[in-house]
Amino acid sequence: MADVTVGLDIGTTSVKAVAVNADGDVLTRARVPHEVRTPAAGCFEHDVNQAWRSGVVEALRRVAGNFTVAAVNVAAMVPSLGAVDGAGRALGPGLLYGDKRG
């Protein structure tokens, strides 16, 4: 198994992942979409578990399954809010940039 660096982008509409070798060659990539909800005018949100947990896990599974991961780099949408309790459970929807509530 080759050592790779995994890049993750937790974006507005999907989680993207890429596995790159030491020479910078892209070996595999994945995109896991998630839904942006607009429950009212000026409100932009999504499911915290879908966008920031299960989407990330699935993207990692797709790109890293056949490799040894040497490093992980993460980029994410900013500013956004995903409130969780002490056990990491979401306390409500994730509020995205542009949401009038935040």
N, C-alpha and C. Protein backbone atom coordinates (compact mmCIF):
# COMPACT_ATOMS: atom_id res chain seq x y z
N MET A 1 0.84 -1.19 0.00
CA MET A 1 0.00 0.00 0.00
C MET A 1 0.88 1.25 0.00
N ALA A 2 0.51 2.21 -0.81
CA ALA A 2 1.26 3.46 -0.90
C ALA A 2 0.83 4.42 0.20
N ASP A 3 1.79 5.23 0.67
CA ASP A 3 1.46 6.31 1.59
C ASP A 3 0.86 7.46 0.79
N VAL A 4 -0.21 8.04 1.32
CA VAL A 4 -0.86 9.17 0.65
C VAL A 4 -1.15 10.27 1.66
N THR A 5 -1.31 11.46 1.13
CA THR A 5 -1.88 12.57 1.88
C THR A 5 -3.30 12.73 1.38
N VAL A 6 -4.24 12.84 2.32
CA VAL A 6 -5.64 13.01 1.96
C VAL A 6 -6.02 14.47 2.18
N GLY A 7 -6.63 15.06 1.18
CA GLY A 7 -7.18 16.40 1.29
C GLY A 7 -8.69 16.32 1.37
N LEU A 8 -9.27 17.04 2.32
CA LEU A 8 -10.72 17.08 2.50
C LEU A 8 -11.20 18.52 2.38
N ASP A 9 -12.27 18.71 1.64
CA ASP A 9 -12.92 20.02 1.55
C ASP A 9 -14.37 19.83 1.95
N ILE A 10 -14.74 20.35 3.11
CA ILE A 10 -16.13 20.28 3.57
C ILE A 10 -16.81 21.54 3.05
N GLY A 11 -17.49 21.42 1.93
CA GLY A 11 -18.05 22.56 1.25
C GLY A 11 -19.54 22.73 1.49
N THR A 12 -20.10 23.73 0.85
CA THR A 12 -21.50 24.07 1.02
C THR A 12 -22.43 22.97 0.53
N THR A 13 -22.09 22.33 -0.57
CA THR A 13 -22.99 21.33 -1.15
C THR A 13 -22.44 19.91 -1.13
N SER A 14 -21.18 19.74 -0.74
CA SER A 14 -20.61 18.39 -0.71
C SER A 14 -19.30 18.37 0.06
N VAL A 15 -18.89 17.16 0.40
CA VAL A 15 -17.55 16.91 0.92
C VAL A 15 -16.75 16.33 -0.23
N LYS A 16 -15.62 16.94 -0.53
CA LYS A 16 -14.74 16.42 -1.56
C LYS A 16 -13.47 15.90 -0.89
N ALA A 17 -12.93 14.81 -1.43
CA ALA A 17 -11.71 14.23 -0.89
C ALA A 17 -10.81 13.80 -2.04
N VAL A 18 -9.52 13.85 -1.78
CA VAL A 18 -8.54 13.44 -2.77
C VAL A 18 -7.38 12.76 -2.04
N ALA A 19 -6.83 11.72 -2.64
CA ALA A 19 -5.63 11.05 -2.12
C ALA A 19 -4.49 11.32 -3.10
N VAL A 20 -3.38 11.84 -2.57
CA VAL A 20 -2.25 12.26 -3.40
C VAL A 20 -0.99 11.55 -2.91
N ASN A 21 -0.16 11.07 -3.84
CA ASN A 21 1.08 10.42 -3.42
C ASN A 21 2.19 11.45 -3.20
N ALA A 22 3.38 10.99 -2.84
CA ALA A 22 4.49 11.88 -2.52
C ALA A 22 4.95 12.71 -3.71
N ASP A 23 4.65 12.26 -4.93
CA ASP A 23 5.01 13.02 -6.13
C ASP A 23 3.94 14.03 -6.53
N GLY A 24 2.83 14.07 -5.77
CA GLY A 24 1.75 15.00 -6.08
C GLY A 24 0.74 14.46 -7.07
N ASP A 25 0.84 13.19 -7.40
CA ASP A 25 -0.12 12.58 -8.33
C ASP A 25 -1.41 12.26 -7.60
N VAL A 26 -2.54 12.65 -8.19
CA VAL A 26 -3.85 12.33 -7.62
C VAL A 26 -4.14 10.87 -7.94
N LEU A 27 -4.31 10.06 -6.89
CA LEU A 27 -4.55 8.63 -7.07
C LEU A 27 -6.03 8.29 -7.08
N THR A 28 -6.80 9.02 -6.31
CA THR A 28 -8.24 8.80 -6.27
C THR A 28 -8.92 10.03 -5.70
N ARG A 29 -10.19 10.19 -6.03
CA ARG A 29 -10.97 11.32 -5.52
C ARG A 29 -12.40 10.88 -5.32
N ALA A 30 -13.11 11.63 -4.47
CA ALA A 30 -14.52 11.32 -4.18
C ALA A 30 -15.27 12.61 -3.89
N ARG A 31 -16.57 12.56 -4.13
CA ARG A 31 -17.47 13.67 -3.80
C ARG A 31 -18.72 13.08 -3.16
N VAL A 32 -19.05 13.55 -1.95
CA VAL A 32 -20.24 13.09 -1.24
C VAL A 32 -21.16 14.30 -1.05
N PRO A 33 -22.26 14.38 -1.79
CA PRO A 33 -23.15 15.55 -1.69
C PRO A 33 -23.94 15.57 -0.40
N HIS A 34 -24.29 16.78 0.02
CA HIS A 34 -25.24 16.96 1.11
C HIS A 34 -26.17 18.12 0.77
N GLU A 35 -27.30 18.12 1.40
CA GLU A 35 -28.38 19.05 1.06
C GLU A 35 -28.25 20.37 1.82
N VAL A 36 -28.42 21.48 1.10
CA VAL A 36 -28.57 22.79 1.73
C VAL A 36 -30.07 23.05 1.83
N ARG A 37 -30.52 23.32 3.04
CA ARG A 37 -31.96 23.57 3.25
C ARG A 37 -32.18 25.07 3.42
N THR A 38 -33.31 25.53 2.91
CA THR A 38 -33.73 26.92 3.09
C THR A 38 -35.14 26.91 3.67
N PRO A 39 -35.26 26.73 5.00
CA PRO A 39 -36.57 26.60 5.62
C PRO A 39 -37.40 27.89 5.61
N ALA A 40 -36.74 29.02 5.44
CA ALA A 40 -37.43 30.31 5.38
C ALA A 40 -36.52 31.28 4.63
N ALA A 41 -37.08 32.39 4.21
CA ALA A 41 -36.30 33.41 3.51
C ALA A 41 -35.11 33.83 4.37
N GLY A 42 -33.93 33.82 3.78
CA GLY A 42 -32.73 34.25 4.48
C GLY A 42 -32.12 33.20 5.39
N CYS A 43 -32.66 31.99 5.39
CA CYS A 43 -32.14 30.90 6.22
C CYS A 43 -31.45 29.85 5.34
N PHE A 44 -30.22 29.52 5.68
CA PHE A 44 -29.44 28.53 4.94
C PHE A 44 -28.82 27.58 5.95
N GLU A 45 -29.21 26.31 5.88
CA GLU A 45 -28.75 25.35 6.89
C GLU A 45 -28.59 23.97 6.27
N HIS A 46 -27.93 23.11 7.03
CA HIS A 46 -27.89 21.70 6.65
C HIS A 46 -27.75 20.84 7.89
N ASP A 47 -27.92 19.55 7.68
CA ASP A 47 -27.83 18.57 8.75
C ASP A 47 -26.36 18.43 9.14
N VAL A 48 -26.03 18.75 10.38
CA VAL A 48 -24.65 18.71 10.86
C VAL A 48 -24.06 17.31 10.69
N ASN A 49 -24.81 16.30 11.07
CA ASN A 49 -24.29 14.93 10.98
C ASN A 49 -24.03 14.52 9.54
N GLN A 50 -24.91 14.92 8.62
CA GLN A 50 -24.74 14.55 7.22
C GLN A 50 -23.54 15.27 6.60
N ALA A 51 -23.46 16.57 6.82
CA ALA A 51 -22.43 17.37 6.16
C ALA A 51 -21.06 17.25 6.81
N TRP A 52 -21.02 17.23 8.13
CA TRP A 52 -19.74 17.34 8.83
C TRP A 52 -19.29 16.06 9.49
N ARG A 53 -20.11 15.02 9.45
CA ARG A 53 -19.69 13.75 10.06
C ARG A 53 -19.78 12.61 9.05
N SER A 54 -20.99 12.18 8.72
CA SER A 54 -21.11 11.00 7.85
C SER A 54 -20.56 11.27 6.45
N GLY A 55 -20.69 12.49 5.95
CA GLY A 55 -20.13 12.83 4.64
C GLY A 55 -18.61 12.75 4.64
N VAL A 56 -18.00 13.21 5.72
CA VAL A 56 -16.54 13.15 5.85
C VAL A 56 -16.07 11.70 5.95
N VAL A 57 -16.74 10.92 6.79
CA VAL A 57 -16.37 9.51 6.95
C VAL A 57 -16.49 8.76 5.62
N GLU A 58 -17.56 9.00 4.90
CA GLU A 58 -17.77 8.33 3.61
C GLU A 58 -16.72 8.75 2.59
N ALA A 59 -16.41 10.04 2.53
CA ALA A 59 -15.38 10.51 1.59
C ALA A 59 -14.02 9.90 1.92
N LEU A 60 -13.68 9.84 3.21
CA LEU A 60 -12.42 9.21 3.62
C LEU A 60 -12.40 7.73 3.25
N ARG A 61 -13.50 7.05 3.49
CA ARG A 61 -13.58 5.63 3.15
C ARG A 61 -13.34 5.41 1.66
N ARG A 62 -13.92 6.26 0.84
CA ARG A 62 -13.80 6.10 -0.61
C ARG A 62 -12.37 6.33 -1.11
N VAL A 63 -11.66 7.30 -0.55
CA VAL A 63 -10.33 7.61 -1.09
C VAL A 63 -9.19 6.92 -0.37
N ALA A 64 -9.35 6.58 0.89
CA ALA A 64 -8.22 6.08 1.67
C ALA A 64 -8.22 4.57 1.85
N GLY A 65 -9.26 3.90 1.40
CA GLY A 65 -9.42 2.48 1.67
C GLY A 65 -8.26 1.59 1.27
N ASN A 66 -7.57 1.90 0.18
CA ASN A 66 -6.49 1.04 -0.32
C ASN A 66 -5.10 1.61 -0.05
N PHE A 67 -5.01 2.63 0.79
CA PHE A 67 -3.74 3.31 1.01
C PHE A 67 -3.45 3.43 2.50
N THR A 68 -2.18 3.71 2.81
CA THR A 68 -1.79 4.09 4.15
C THR A 68 -1.79 5.61 4.20
N VAL A 69 -2.60 6.19 5.08
CA VAL A 69 -2.72 7.65 5.15
C VAL A 69 -1.60 8.20 6.03
N ALA A 70 -0.75 9.02 5.43
CA ALA A 70 0.37 9.63 6.15
C ALA A 70 -0.02 10.97 6.76
N ALA A 71 -0.96 11.67 6.12
CA ALA A 71 -1.38 12.99 6.60
C ALA A 71 -2.76 13.31 6.05
N VAL A 72 -3.45 14.20 6.75
CA VAL A 72 -4.78 14.66 6.33
C VAL A 72 -4.79 16.18 6.41
N ASN A 73 -5.30 16.82 5.37
CA ASN A 73 -5.45 18.27 5.33
C ASN A 73 -6.94 18.57 5.17
N VAL A 74 -7.47 19.47 6.00
CA VAL A 74 -8.91 19.77 5.98
C VAL A 74 -9.14 21.25 5.71
N ALA A 75 -10.06 21.53 4.80
CA ALA A 75 -10.56 22.89 4.57
C ALA A 75 -12.07 22.82 4.72
N ALA A 76 -12.66 23.89 5.24
CA ALA A 76 -14.11 23.86 5.46
C ALA A 76 -14.70 25.23 5.21
N MET A 77 -16.02 25.23 4.96
CA MET A 77 -16.74 26.48 4.73
C MET A 77 -16.70 27.34 5.99
N VAL A 78 -16.52 28.62 5.78
CA VAL A 78 -16.41 29.53 6.91
C VAL A 78 -17.14 30.81 6.54
N PRO A 79 -17.79 31.51 7.41
CA PRO A 79 -18.12 31.09 8.77
C PRO A 79 -19.41 30.28 8.77
N SER A 80 -19.43 29.24 9.52
CA SER A 80 -20.61 28.40 9.70
C SER A 80 -20.65 27.95 11.15
N LEU A 81 -21.81 27.49 11.59
CA LEU A 81 -21.97 27.07 12.98
C LEU A 81 -22.65 25.72 13.02
N GLY A 82 -22.03 24.81 13.73
CA GLY A 82 -22.62 23.50 13.99
C GLY A 82 -22.48 23.22 15.48
N ALA A 83 -23.49 23.53 16.26
CA ALA A 83 -23.43 23.35 17.71
C ALA A 83 -23.65 21.89 18.08
N VAL A 84 -22.79 21.38 18.99
CA VAL A 84 -22.90 20.00 19.46
C VAL A 84 -22.82 19.97 20.98
N ASP A 85 -23.33 18.89 21.56
CA ASP A 85 -23.24 18.73 23.01
C ASP A 85 -21.91 18.06 23.37
N GLY A 86 -21.73 17.76 24.65
CA GLY A 86 -20.49 17.17 25.12
C GLY A 86 -20.17 15.82 24.52
N ALA A 87 -21.16 15.13 24.02
CA ALA A 87 -20.96 13.83 23.38
C ALA A 87 -20.81 13.95 21.86
N GLY A 88 -20.82 15.19 21.35
CA GLY A 88 -20.68 15.41 19.91
C GLY A 88 -21.97 15.30 19.12
N ARG A 89 -23.11 15.26 19.80
CA ARG A 89 -24.41 15.18 19.12
C ARG A 89 -24.87 16.58 18.73
N ALA A 90 -25.37 16.70 17.51
CA ALA A 90 -25.85 17.99 17.02
C ALA A 90 -27.01 18.50 17.86
N LEU A 91 -26.98 19.79 18.18
CA LEU A 91 -28.05 20.43 18.95
C LEU A 91 -29.09 21.08 18.06
N GLY A 92 -28.86 21.10 16.78
CA GLY A 92 -29.78 21.70 15.82
C GLY A 92 -29.13 21.67 14.45
N PRO A 93 -29.73 22.35 13.49
CA PRO A 93 -29.14 22.37 12.15
C PRO A 93 -27.86 23.20 12.13
N GLY A 94 -27.01 22.92 11.15
CA GLY A 94 -25.84 23.75 10.93
C GLY A 94 -26.26 25.02 10.21
N LEU A 95 -25.86 26.16 10.72
CA LEU A 95 -26.18 27.44 10.09
C LEU A 95 -25.03 27.83 9.18
N LEU A 96 -25.34 28.09 7.91
CA LEU A 96 -24.32 28.40 6.92
C LEU A 96 -24.11 29.90 6.80
N TYR A 97 -22.97 30.26 6.22
CA TYR A 97 -22.70 31.67 5.94
C TYR A 97 -23.88 32.23 5.14
N GLY A 98 -24.21 33.45 5.39
CA GLY A 98 -25.35 34.07 4.71
C GLY A 98 -26.67 33.87 5.42
N ASP A 99 -26.70 33.02 6.45
CA ASP A 99 -27.94 32.80 7.20
C ASP A 99 -28.21 34.03 8.06
N LYS A 100 -29.42 34.56 7.98
CA LYS A 100 -29.77 35.79 8.71
C LYS A 100 -29.77 35.59 10.22
N ARG A 101 -29.82 34.35 10.69
CA ARG A 101 -29.84 34.08 12.13
C ARG A 101 -28.45 34.19 12.76
N GLY A 102 -27.43 34.18 11.95
CA GLY A 102 -26.08 34.17 12.51
C GLY A 102 -25.28 35.30 12.04
